[in-house]
Amino acid sequence: EVAKIRYRLTKEMVQKQQDWQLTSSIYHIFGGKIRSQVVCAACGYRSNTFDPTVDLSLEIGGNKCHGVEECLDMFTQCETLGSSNEYSCDKCKQKSRATKQLTVHTLPN
């Protein structure tokens, strides 16, 4: 029961934060949406979620990337979800391998 209340309160807090982001001047100028797409390896189902954002967390510098374009390529690379973090598919109801990819769905104004 306590876990359910915590989950509901957390969900409400996230929704309020997202509502604020969507109505603020900052969001209207700098805001966009990130799409997270997961593809089930068992049945091919594509699950998409869209999250509002005002920034991208790019790892610039170091050994990983040396420029903004290269960092954006790394940000949008496919990630394989395997044995330690298997995907539970909403369509086939199986836990299976999957690929996950983030993309910029809506650019800022």
PDB file of N, CA and C in Angstrom:
ATOM      1  N   GLU A   1       0.818  -1.190   0.000  1.00  0.00           N
ATOM      2  CA  GLU A   1       0.000   0.000   0.000  1.00  0.00           C
ATOM      3  C   GLU A   1       0.867   1.261   0.000  1.00  0.00           C
ATOM      4  N   VAL A   2       1.911   1.257   0.804  1.00  0.00           N
ATOM      5  CA  VAL A   2       2.819   2.405   0.857  1.00  0.00           C
ATOM      6  C   VAL A   2       3.512   2.590  -0.486  1.00  0.00           C
ATOM      7  N   ALA A   3       3.909   1.484  -1.114  1.00  0.00           N
ATOM      8  CA  ALA A   3       4.566   1.568  -2.426  1.00  0.00           C
ATOM      9  C   ALA A   3       3.619   2.158  -3.465  1.00  0.00           C
ATOM     10  N   LYS A   4       2.342   1.802  -3.413  1.00  0.00           N
ATOM     11  CA  LYS A   4       1.360   2.344  -4.351  1.00  0.00           C
ATOM     12  C   LYS A   4       1.206   3.850  -4.166  1.00  0.00           C
ATOM     13  N   ILE A   5       1.167   4.289  -2.914  1.00  0.00           N
ATOM     14  CA  ILE A   5       1.029   5.726  -2.627  1.00  0.00           C
ATOM     15  C   ILE A   5       2.266   6.476  -3.118  1.00  0.00           C
ATOM     16  N   ARG A   6       3.465   5.926  -2.844  1.00  0.00           N
ATOM     17  CA  ARG A   6       4.701   6.552  -3.314  1.00  0.00           C
ATOM     18  C   ARG A   6       4.707   6.650  -4.833  1.00  0.00           C
ATOM     19  N   TYR A   7       4.328   5.572  -5.505  1.00  0.00           N
ATOM     20  CA  TYR A   7       4.291   5.566  -6.967  1.00  0.00           C
ATOM     21  C   TYR A   7       3.339   6.638  -7.479  1.00  0.00           C
ATOM     22  N   ARG A   8       2.147   6.722  -6.893  1.00  0.00           N
ATOM     23  CA  ARG A   8       1.152   7.710  -7.323  1.00  0.00           C
ATOM     24  C   ARG A   8       1.660   9.125  -7.098  1.00  0.00           C
ATOM     25  N   LEU A   9       2.262   9.378  -5.936  1.00  0.00           N
ATOM     26  CA  LEU A   9       2.791  10.713  -5.646  1.00  0.00           C
ATOM     27  C   LEU A   9       3.934  11.070  -6.584  1.00  0.00           C
ATOM     28  N   THR A  10       4.818  10.122  -6.843  1.00  0.00           N
ATOM     29  CA  THR A  10       5.926  10.367  -7.766  1.00  0.00           C
ATOM     30  C   THR A  10       5.397  10.659  -9.157  1.00  0.00           C
ATOM     31  N   LYS A  11       4.427   9.883  -9.596  1.00  0.00           N
ATOM     32  CA  LYS A  11       3.830  10.086 -10.918  1.00  0.00           C
ATOM     33  C   LYS A  11       3.181  11.466 -11.008  1.00  0.00           C
ATOM     34  N   GLU A  12       2.476  11.876  -9.947  1.00  0.00           N
ATOM     35  CA  GLU A  12       1.840  13.198  -9.928  1.00  0.00           C
ATOM     36  C   GLU A  12       2.878  14.315  -9.969  1.00  0.00           C
ATOM     37  N   MET A  13       3.994  14.145  -9.246  1.00  0.00           N
ATOM     38  CA  MET A  13       5.048  15.157  -9.236  1.00  0.00           C
ATOM     39  C   MET A  13       5.683  15.300 -10.610  1.00  0.00           C
ATOM     40  N   VAL A  14       5.935  14.177 -11.271  1.00  0.00           N
ATOM     41  CA  VAL A  14       6.507  14.207 -12.614  1.00  0.00           C
ATOM     42  C   VAL A  14       5.549  14.885 -13.576  1.00  0.00           C
ATOM     43  N   GLN A  15       4.254  14.577 -13.471  1.00  0.00           N
ATOM     44  CA  GLN A  15       3.262  15.188 -14.348  1.00  0.00           C
ATOM     45  C   GLN A  15       3.196  16.691 -14.138  1.00  0.00           C
ATOM     46  N   LYS A  16       3.248  17.146 -12.880  1.00  0.00           N
ATOM     47  CA  LYS A  16       3.231  18.583 -12.601  1.00  0.00           C
ATOM     48  C   LYS A  16       4.458  19.262 -13.180  1.00  0.00           C
ATOM     49  N   GLN A  17       5.625  18.608 -13.055  1.00  0.00           N
ATOM     50  CA  GLN A  17       6.849  19.180 -13.617  1.00  0.00           C
ATOM     51  C   GLN A  17       6.742  19.260 -15.137  1.00  0.00           C
ATOM     52  N   GLN A  18       6.219  18.222 -15.766  1.00  0.00           N
ATOM     53  CA  GLN A  18       6.063  18.233 -17.217  1.00  0.00           C
ATOM     54  C   GLN A  18       5.056  19.292 -17.647  1.00  0.00           C
ATOM     55  N   ASP A  19       3.960  19.458 -16.882  1.00  0.00           N
ATOM     56  CA  ASP A  19       2.978  20.491 -17.199  1.00  0.00           C
ATOM     57  C   ASP A  19       3.619  21.870 -17.135  1.00  0.00           C
ATOM     58  N   TRP A  20       4.445  22.101 -16.110  1.00  0.00           N
ATOM     59  CA  TRP A  20       5.128  23.386 -15.990  1.00  0.00           C
ATOM     60  C   TRP A  20       6.057  23.606 -17.175  1.00  0.00           C
ATOM     61  N   GLN A  21       6.814  22.570 -17.537  1.00  0.00           N
ATOM     62  CA  GLN A  21       7.742  22.698 -18.656  1.00  0.00           C
ATOM     63  C   GLN A  21       7.005  23.047 -19.939  1.00  0.00           C
ATOM     64  N   LEU A  22       5.860  22.426 -20.152  1.00  0.00           N
ATOM     65  CA  LEU A  22       5.135  22.642 -21.391  1.00  0.00           C
ATOM     66  C   LEU A  22       4.502  24.024 -21.479  1.00  0.00           C
ATOM     67  N   THR A  23       4.264  24.672 -20.347  1.00  0.00           N
ATOM     68  CA  THR A  23       3.606  25.973 -20.371  1.00  0.00           C
ATOM     69  C   THR A  23       4.555  27.141 -20.150  1.00  0.00           C
ATOM     70  N   SER A  24       5.803  26.885 -19.799  1.00  0.00           N
ATOM     71  CA  SER A  24       6.724  27.978 -19.514  1.00  0.00           C
ATOM     72  C   SER A  24       7.294  28.564 -20.805  1.00  0.00           C
ATOM     73  N   SER A  25       7.704  29.835 -20.726  1.00  0.00           N
ATOM     74  CA  SER A  25       8.323  30.503 -21.877  1.00  0.00           C
ATOM     75  C   SER A  25       9.611  29.814 -22.281  1.00  0.00           C
ATOM     76  N   ILE A  26      10.365  29.341 -21.300  1.00  0.00           N
ATOM     77  CA  ILE A  26      11.624  28.645 -21.582  1.00  0.00           C
ATOM     78  C   ILE A  26      11.355  27.433 -22.465  1.00  0.00           C
ATOM     79  N   TYR A  27      10.341  26.647 -22.097  1.00  0.00           N
ATOM     80  CA  TYR A  27      10.039  25.455 -22.887  1.00  0.00           C
ATOM     81  C   TYR A  27       9.591  25.835 -24.300  1.00  0.00           C
ATOM     82  N   HIS A  28       8.785  26.878 -24.417  1.00  0.00           N
ATOM     83  CA  HIS A  28       8.302  27.275 -25.745  1.00  0.00           C
ATOM     84  C   HIS A  28       9.430  27.719 -26.657  1.00  0.00           C
ATOM     85  N   ILE A  29      10.507  28.259 -26.088  1.00  0.00           N
ATOM     86  CA  ILE A  29      11.648  28.709 -26.900  1.00  0.00           C
ATOM     87  C   ILE A  29      12.643  27.576 -27.124  1.00  0.00           C
ATOM     88  N   PHE A  30      13.027  26.889 -26.050  1.00  0.00           N
ATOM     89  CA  PHE A  30      14.114  25.908 -26.120  1.00  0.00           C
ATOM     90  C   PHE A  30      13.636  24.460 -26.079  1.00  0.00           C
ATOM     91  N   GLY A  31      12.351  24.235 -25.888  1.00  0.00           N
ATOM     92  CA  GLY A  31      11.856  22.883 -25.669  1.00  0.00           C
ATOM     93  C   GLY A  31      11.713  22.059 -26.936  1.00  0.00           C
ATOM     94  N   GLY A  32      11.842  20.777 -26.763  1.00  0.00           N
ATOM     95  CA  GLY A  32      11.648  19.816 -27.836  1.00  0.00           C
ATOM     96  C   GLY A  32      11.183  18.507 -27.231  1.00  0.00           C
ATOM     97  N   LYS A  33      11.165  17.468 -28.040  1.00  0.00           N
ATOM     98  CA  LYS A  33      10.776  16.145 -27.548  1.00  0.00           C
ATOM     99  C   LYS A  33      11.792  15.113 -28.000  1.00  0.00           C
ATOM    100  N   ILE A  34      12.086  14.198 -27.079  1.00  0.00           N
ATOM    101  CA  ILE A  34      12.967  13.068 -27.350  1.00  0.00           C
ATOM    102  C   ILE A  34      12.094  11.825 -27.482  1.00  0.00           C
ATOM    103  N   ARG A  35      12.353  11.047 -28.538  1.00  0.00           N
ATOM    104  CA  ARG A  35      11.633   9.784 -28.708  1.00  0.00           C
ATOM    105  C   ARG A  35      12.552   8.648 -28.281  1.00  0.00           C
ATOM    106  N   SER A  36      12.037   7.777 -27.464  1.00  0.00           N
ATOM    107  CA  SER A  36      12.726   6.550 -27.090  1.00  0.00           C
ATOM    108  C   SER A  36      11.959   5.413 -27.748  1.00  0.00           C
ATOM    109  N   GLN A  37      12.633   4.689 -28.651  1.00  0.00           N
ATOM    110  CA  GLN A  37      11.978   3.580 -29.344  1.00  0.00           C
ATOM    111  C   GLN A  37      12.673   2.280 -28.968  1.00  0.00           C
ATOM    112  N   VAL A  38      11.868   1.317 -28.513  1.00  0.00           N
ATOM    113  CA  VAL A  38      12.369  -0.013 -28.180  1.00  0.00           C
ATOM    114  C   VAL A  38      11.731  -0.995 -29.156  1.00  0.00           C
ATOM    115  N   VAL A  39      12.573  -1.834 -29.778  1.00  0.00           N
ATOM    116  CA  VAL A  39      12.088  -2.829 -30.743  1.00  0.00           C
ATOM    117  C   VAL A  39      12.328  -4.218 -30.169  1.00  0.00           C
ATOM    118  N   CYS A  40      11.253  -4.964 -29.979  1.00  0.00           N
ATOM    119  CA  CYS A  40      11.320  -6.323 -29.442  1.00  0.00           C
ATOM    120  C   CYS A  40      11.953  -7.253 -30.474  1.00  0.00           C
ATOM    121  N   ALA A  41      12.954  -8.010 -30.062  1.00  0.00           N
ATOM    122  CA  ALA A  41      13.613  -8.957 -30.972  1.00  0.00           C
ATOM    123  C   ALA A  41      12.735 -10.173 -31.245  1.00  0.00           C
ATOM    124  N   ALA A  42      11.820 -10.490 -30.333  1.00  0.00           N
ATOM    125  CA  ALA A  42      10.976 -11.672 -30.503  1.00  0.00           C
ATOM    126  C   ALA A  42       9.868 -11.457 -31.528  1.00  0.00           C
ATOM    127  N   CYS A  43       9.194 -10.298 -31.486  1.00  0.00           N
ATOM    128  CA  CYS A  43       8.037 -10.109 -32.374  1.00  0.00           C
ATOM    129  C   CYS A  43       8.146  -8.879 -33.276  1.00  0.00           C
ATOM    130  N   GLY A  44       9.156  -8.030 -33.042  1.00  0.00           N
ATOM    131  CA  GLY A  44       9.341  -6.852 -33.884  1.00  0.00           C
ATOM    132  C   GLY A  44       8.500  -5.650 -33.487  1.00  0.00           C
ATOM    133  N   TYR A  45       7.740  -5.761 -32.397  1.00  0.00           N
ATOM    134  CA  TYR A  45       6.898  -4.655 -31.943  1.00  0.00           C
ATOM    135  C   TYR A  45       7.766  -3.444 -31.596  1.00  0.00           C
ATOM    136  N   ARG A  46       7.305  -2.250 -31.982  1.00  0.00           N
ATOM    137  CA  ARG A  46       8.018  -1.005 -31.699  1.00  0.00           C
ATOM    138  C   ARG A  46       7.234  -0.194 -30.676  1.00  0.00           C
ATOM    139  N   SER A  47       7.862   0.019 -29.535  1.00  0.00           N
ATOM    140  CA  SER A  47       7.258   0.817 -28.471  1.00  0.00           C
ATOM    141  C   SER A  47       7.910   2.193 -28.488  1.00  0.00           C
ATOM    142  N   ASN A  48       7.108   3.246 -28.564  1.00  0.00           N
ATOM    143  CA  ASN A  48       7.614   4.613 -28.600  1.00  0.00           C
ATOM    144  C   ASN A  48       7.121   5.396 -27.398  1.00  0.00           C
ATOM    145  N   THR A  49       8.038   6.105 -26.747  1.00  0.00           N
ATOM    146  CA  THR A  49       7.656   7.063 -25.714  1.00  0.00           C
ATOM    147  C   THR A  49       8.284   8.405 -26.081  1.00  0.00           C
ATOM    148  N   PHE A  50       7.576   9.472 -25.762  1.00  0.00           N
ATOM    149  CA  PHE A  50       8.025  10.818 -26.094  1.00  0.00           C
ATOM    150  C   PHE A  50       8.115  11.633 -24.811  1.00  0.00           C
ATOM    151  N   ASP A  51       9.264  12.240 -24.578  1.00  0.00           N
ATOM    152  CA  ASP A  51       9.481  13.016 -23.367  1.00  0.00           C
ATOM    153  C   ASP A  51       9.882  14.437 -23.711  1.00  0.00           C
ATOM    154  N   PRO A  52       9.258  15.423 -23.041  1.00  0.00           N
ATOM    155  CA  PRO A  52       9.667  16.808 -23.275  1.00  0.00           C
ATOM    156  C   PRO A  52      11.060  17.041 -22.714  1.00  0.00           C
ATOM    157  N   THR A  53      11.816  17.905 -23.358  1.00  0.00           N
ATOM    158  CA  THR A  53      13.164  18.213 -22.894  1.00  0.00           C
ATOM    159  C   THR A  53      13.551  19.627 -23.286  1.00  0.00           C
ATOM    160  N   VAL A  54      14.439  20.213 -22.527  1.00  0.00           N
ATOM    161  CA  VAL A  54      14.994  21.515 -22.875  1.00  0.00           C
ATOM    162  C   VAL A  54      16.510  21.422 -23.052  1.00  0.00           C
ATOM    163  N   ASP A  55      17.050  20.220 -22.899  1.00  0.00           N
ATOM    164  CA  ASP A  55      18.491  20.039 -23.088  1.00  0.00           C
ATOM    165  C   ASP A  55      18.803  18.604 -23.491  1.00  0.00           C
ATOM    166  N   LEU A  56      19.989  18.400 -24.005  1.00  0.00           N
ATOM    167  CA  LEU A  56      20.495  17.065 -24.318  1.00  0.00           C
ATOM    168  C   LEU A  56      21.762  16.856 -23.514  1.00  0.00           C
ATOM    169  N   SER A  57      21.912  15.699 -22.919  1.00  0.00           N
ATOM    170  CA  SER A  57      23.116  15.374 -22.161  1.00  0.00           C
ATOM    171  C   SER A  57      24.100  14.668 -23.080  1.00  0.00           C
ATOM    172  N   LEU A  58      25.033  15.433 -23.618  1.00  0.00           N
ATOM    173  CA  LEU A  58      26.030  14.885 -24.526  1.00  0.00           C
ATOM    174  C   LEU A  58      27.372  14.808 -23.818  1.00  0.00           C
ATOM    175  N   GLU A  59      28.109  13.719 -24.054  1.00  0.00           N
ATOM    176  CA  GLU A  59      29.442  13.561 -23.467  1.00  0.00           C
ATOM    177  C   GLU A  59      30.466  14.126 -24.441  1.00  0.00           C
ATOM    178  N   ILE A  60      30.776  15.403 -24.278  1.00  0.00           N
ATOM    179  CA  ILE A  60      31.709  16.078 -25.183  1.00  0.00           C
ATOM    180  C   ILE A  60      33.106  16.019 -24.591  1.00  0.00           C
ATOM    181  N   GLY A  61      34.073  15.718 -25.454  1.00  0.00           N
ATOM    182  CA  GLY A  61      35.462  15.640 -25.012  1.00  0.00           C
ATOM    183  C   GLY A  61      35.834  14.239 -24.590  1.00  0.00           C
ATOM    184  N   GLY A  62      37.029  14.120 -24.074  1.00  0.00           N
ATOM    185  CA  GLY A  62      37.506  12.806 -23.655  1.00  0.00           C
ATOM    186  C   GLY A  62      37.795  11.931 -24.863  1.00  0.00           C
ATOM    187  N   ASN A  63      37.749  10.632 -24.655  1.00  0.00           N
ATOM    188  CA  ASN A  63      38.064   9.677 -25.725  1.00  0.00           C
ATOM    189  C   ASN A  63      36.850   9.279 -26.547  1.00  0.00           C
ATOM    190  N   LYS A  64      35.652   9.613 -26.081  1.00  0.00           N
ATOM    191  CA  LYS A  64      34.444   9.124 -26.744  1.00  0.00           C
ATOM    192  C   LYS A  64      34.093   9.899 -28.006  1.00  0.00           C
ATOM    193  N   CYS A  65      34.094  11.228 -27.950  1.00  0.00           N
ATOM    194  CA  CYS A  65      33.769  12.018 -29.136  1.00  0.00           C
ATOM    195  C   CYS A  65      34.497  13.355 -29.079  1.00  0.00           C
ATOM    196  N   HIS A  66      34.677  13.946 -30.243  1.00  0.00           N
ATOM    197  CA  HIS A  66      35.483  15.163 -30.321  1.00  0.00           C
ATOM    198  C   HIS A  66      34.743  16.341 -30.924  1.00  0.00           C
ATOM    199  N   GLY A  67      33.476  16.222 -31.184  1.00  0.00           N
ATOM    200  CA  GLY A  67      32.698  17.321 -31.740  1.00  0.00           C
ATOM    201  C   GLY A  67      31.224  17.089 -31.494  1.00  0.00           C
ATOM    202  N   VAL A  68      30.439  18.123 -31.690  1.00  0.00           N
ATOM    203  CA  VAL A  68      29.009  18.041 -31.412  1.00  0.00           C
ATOM    204  C   VAL A  68      28.324  17.007 -32.301  1.00  0.00           C
ATOM    205  N   GLU A  69      28.641  16.981 -33.592  1.00  0.00           N
ATOM    206  CA  GLU A  69      28.000  16.011 -34.491  1.00  0.00           C
ATOM    207  C   GLU A  69      28.307  14.579 -34.072  1.00  0.00           C
ATOM    208  N   GLU A  70      29.556  14.324 -33.719  1.00  0.00           N
ATOM    209  CA  GLU A  70      29.950  12.980 -33.292  1.00  0.00           C
ATOM    210  C   GLU A  70      29.239  12.611 -31.988  1.00  0.00           C
ATOM    211  N   CYS A  71      29.090  13.584 -31.085  1.00  0.00           N
ATOM    212  CA  CYS A  71      28.382  13.335 -29.822  1.00  0.00           C
ATOM    213  C   CYS A  71      26.895  13.075 -30.058  1.00  0.00           C
ATOM    214  N   LEU A  72      26.286  13.794 -31.000  1.00  0.00           N
ATOM    215  CA  LEU A  72      24.879  13.529 -31.344  1.00  0.00           C
ATOM    216  C   LEU A  72      24.723  12.139 -31.935  1.00  0.00           C
ATOM    217  N   ASP A  73      25.688  11.714 -32.755  1.00  0.00           N
ATOM    218  CA  ASP A  73      25.650  10.349 -33.297  1.00  0.00           C
ATOM    219  C   ASP A  73      25.690   9.325 -32.166  1.00  0.00           C
ATOM    220  N   MET A  74      26.547   9.564 -31.171  1.00  0.00           N
ATOM    221  CA  MET A  74      26.635   8.639 -30.036  1.00  0.00           C
ATOM    222  C   MET A  74      25.341   8.653 -29.220  1.00  0.00           C
ATOM    223  N   PHE A  75      24.736   9.836 -29.060  1.00  0.00           N
ATOM    224  CA  PHE A  75      23.489   9.974 -28.306  1.00  0.00           C
ATOM    225  C   PHE A  75      22.365   9.156 -28.934  1.00  0.00           C
ATOM    226  N   THR A  76      22.379   9.061 -30.267  1.00  0.00           N
ATOM    227  CA  THR A  76      21.295   8.382 -30.981  1.00  0.00           C
ATOM    228  C   THR A  76      21.638   6.955 -31.405  1.00  0.00           C
ATOM    229  N   GLN A  77      22.764   6.422 -30.957  1.00  0.00           N
ATOM    230  CA  GLN A  77      23.129   5.040 -31.303  1.00  0.00           C
ATOM    231  C   GLN A  77      22.174   4.045 -30.663  1.00  0.00           C
ATOM    232  N   CYS A  78      21.950   2.940 -31.365  1.00  0.00           N
ATOM    233  CA  CYS A  78      21.119   1.858 -30.820  1.00  0.00           C
ATOM    234  C   CYS A  78      21.847   1.193 -29.657  1.00  0.00           C
ATOM    235  N   GLU A  79      21.077   0.863 -28.650  1.00  0.00           N
ATOM    236  CA  GLU A  79      21.590   0.152 -27.479  1.00  0.00           C
ATOM    237  C   GLU A  79      20.897  -1.207 -27.445  1.00  0.00           C
ATOM    238  N   THR A  80      21.653  -2.258 -27.192  1.00  0.00           N
ATOM    239  CA  THR A  80      21.065  -3.592 -27.114  1.00  0.00           C
ATOM    240  C   THR A  80      20.704  -3.900 -25.672  1.00  0.00           C
ATOM    241  N   LEU A  81      19.443  -4.261 -25.470  1.00  0.00           N
ATOM    242  CA  LEU A  81      18.979  -4.679 -24.156  1.00  0.00           C
ATOM    243  C   LEU A  81      19.054  -6.198 -24.125  1.00  0.00           C
ATOM    244  N   GLY A  82      19.894  -6.717 -23.253  1.00  0.00           N
ATOM    245  CA  GLY A  82      20.149  -8.151 -23.252  1.00  0.00           C
ATOM    246  C   GLY A  82      19.787  -8.822 -21.953  1.00  0.00           C
ATOM    247  N   SER A  83      20.605  -9.783 -21.550  1.00  0.00           N
ATOM    248  CA  SER A  83      20.278 -10.661 -20.427  1.00  0.00           C
ATOM    249  C   SER A  83      20.141  -9.917 -19.101  1.00  0.00           C
ATOM    250  N   SER A  84      20.958  -8.903 -18.861  1.00  0.00           N
ATOM    251  CA  SER A  84      20.879  -8.218 -17.574  1.00  0.00           C
ATOM    252  C   SER A  84      19.741  -7.196 -17.515  1.00  0.00           C
ATOM    253  N   ASN A  85      19.254  -6.751 -18.668  1.00  0.00           N
ATOM    254  CA  ASN A  85      18.152  -5.783 -18.697  1.00  0.00           C
ATOM    255  C   ASN A  85      17.188  -6.096 -19.834  1.00  0.00           C
ATOM    256  N   GLU A  86      16.637  -7.322 -19.782  1.00  0.00           N
ATOM    257  CA  GLU A  86      15.715  -7.752 -20.831  1.00  0.00           C
ATOM    258  C   GLU A  86      14.469  -6.885 -20.866  1.00  0.00           C
ATOM    259  N   TYR A  87      13.900  -6.800 -22.038  1.00  0.00           N
ATOM    260  CA  TYR A  87      12.717  -5.978 -22.301  1.00  0.00           C
ATOM    261  C   TYR A  87      11.466  -6.825 -22.134  1.00  0.00           C
ATOM    262  N   SER A  88      10.466  -6.311 -21.434  1.00  0.00           N
ATOM    263  CA  SER A  88       9.166  -6.975 -21.323  1.00  0.00           C
ATOM    264  C   SER A  88       8.251  -6.362 -22.374  1.00  0.00           C
ATOM    265  N   CYS A  89       7.970  -7.122 -23.412  1.00  0.00           N
ATOM    266  CA  CYS A  89       7.192  -6.628 -24.543  1.00  0.00           C
ATOM    267  C   CYS A  89       5.707  -6.553 -24.207  1.00  0.00           C
ATOM    268  N   ASP A  90       5.092  -5.398 -24.524  1.00  0.00           N
ATOM    269  CA  ASP A  90       3.664  -5.213 -24.291  1.00  0.00           C
ATOM    270  C   ASP A  90       2.813  -6.029 -25.255  1.00  0.00           C
ATOM    271  N   LYS A  91       3.365  -6.350 -26.429  1.00  0.00           N
ATOM    272  CA  LYS A  91       2.577  -7.069 -27.440  1.00  0.00           C
ATOM    273  C   LYS A  91       2.630  -8.588 -27.240  1.00  0.00           C
ATOM    274  N   CYS A  92       3.850  -9.158 -27.242  1.00  0.00           N
ATOM    275  CA  CYS A  92       3.957 -10.630 -27.154  1.00  0.00           C
ATOM    276  C   CYS A  92       4.062 -11.129 -25.710  1.00  0.00           C
ATOM    277  N   LYS A  93       4.158 -10.194 -24.740  1.00  0.00           N
ATOM    278  CA  LYS A  93       4.172 -10.521 -23.307  1.00  0.00           C
ATOM    279  C   LYS A  93       5.362 -11.388 -22.909  1.00  0.00           C
ATOM    280  N   GLN A  94       6.463 -11.325 -23.672  1.00  0.00           N
ATOM    281  CA  GLN A  94       7.662 -12.085 -23.357  1.00  0.00           C
ATOM    282  C   GLN A  94       8.764 -11.154 -22.905  1.00  0.00           C
ATOM    283  N   LYS A  95       9.690 -11.691 -22.126  1.00  0.00           N
ATOM    284  CA  LYS A  95      10.928 -10.970 -21.828  1.00  0.00           C
ATOM    285  C   LYS A  95      11.923 -11.412 -22.885  1.00  0.00           C
ATOM    286  N   SER A  96      12.486 -10.445 -23.604  1.00  0.00           N
ATOM    287  CA  SER A  96      13.390 -10.810 -24.684  1.00  0.00           C
ATOM    288  C   SER A  96      14.432  -9.719 -24.894  1.00  0.00           C
ATOM    289  N   ARG A  97      15.380 -10.025 -25.759  1.00  0.00           N
ATOM    290  CA  ARG A  97      16.343  -9.013 -26.174  1.00  0.00           C
ATOM    291  C   ARG A  97      15.589  -7.956 -26.969  1.00  0.00           C
ATOM    292  N   ALA A  98      16.164  -6.770 -27.015  1.00  0.00           N
ATOM    293  CA  ALA A  98      15.546  -5.687 -27.766  1.00  0.00           C
ATOM    294  C   ALA A  98      16.611  -4.641 -28.066  1.00  0.00           C
ATOM    295  N   THR A  99      16.281  -3.730 -28.967  1.00  0.00           N
ATOM    296  CA  THR A  99      17.156  -2.589 -29.206  1.00  0.00           C
ATOM    297  C   THR A  99      16.410  -1.334 -28.781  1.00  0.00           C
ATOM    298  N   LYS A 100      17.168  -0.384 -28.261  1.00  0.00           N
ATOM    299  CA  LYS A 100      16.600   0.881 -27.807  1.00  0.00           C
ATOM    300  C   LYS A 100      17.374   2.004 -28.478  1.00  0.00           C
ATOM    301  N   GLN A 101      16.641   3.002 -28.965  1.00  0.00           N
ATOM    302  CA  GLN A 101      17.285   4.139 -29.613  1.00  0.00           C
ATOM    303  C   GLN A 101      16.580   5.435 -29.233  1.00  0.00           C
ATOM    304  N   LEU A 102      17.372   6.420 -28.868  1.00  0.00           N
ATOM    305  CA  LEU A 102      16.859   7.759 -28.607  1.00  0.00           C
ATOM    306  C   LEU A 102      17.050   8.603 -29.854  1.00  0.00           C
ATOM    307  N   THR A 103      16.044   9.397 -30.202  1.00  0.00           N
ATOM    308  CA  THR A 103      16.155  10.331 -31.310  1.00  0.00           C
ATOM    309  C   THR A 103      15.487  11.636 -30.913  1.00  0.00           C
ATOM    310  N   VAL A 104      15.917  12.706 -31.565  1.00  0.00           N
ATOM    311  CA  VAL A 104      15.277  13.998 -31.348  1.00  0.00           C
ATOM    312  C   VAL A 104      14.054  14.008 -32.239  1.00  0.00           C
ATOM    313  N   HIS A 105      12.871  14.026 -31.614  1.00  0.00           N
ATOM    314  CA  HIS A 105      11.629  13.954 -32.382  1.00  0.00           C
ATOM    315  C   HIS A 105      11.151  15.346 -32.791  1.00  0.00           C
ATOM    316  N   THR A 106      11.214  16.293 -31.852  1.00  0.00           N
ATOM    317  CA  THR A 106      10.792  17.662 -32.120  1.00  0.00           C
ATOM    318  C   THR A 106      11.910  18.605 -31.718  1.00  0.00           C
ATOM    319  N   LEU A 107      12.360  19.420 -32.648  1.00  0.00           N
ATOM    320  CA  LEU A 107      13.430  20.379 -32.385  1.00  0.00           C
ATOM    321  C   LEU A 107      12.879  21.625 -31.699  1.00  0.00           C
ATOM    322  N   PRO A 108      13.734  22.330 -30.954  1.00  0.00           N
ATOM    323  CA  PRO A 108      13.294  23.604 -30.369  1.00  0.00           C
ATOM    324  C   PRO A 108      12.930  24.592 -31.478  1.00  0.00           C
ATOM    325  N   ASN A 109      12.156  25.611 -31.117  1.00  0.00           N
ATOM    326  CA  ASN A 109      11.760  26.643 -32.078  1.00  0.00           C
ATOM    327  C   ASN A 109      12.934  27.443 -32.572  1.00  0.00           C
TER     328      ASN A 109
END
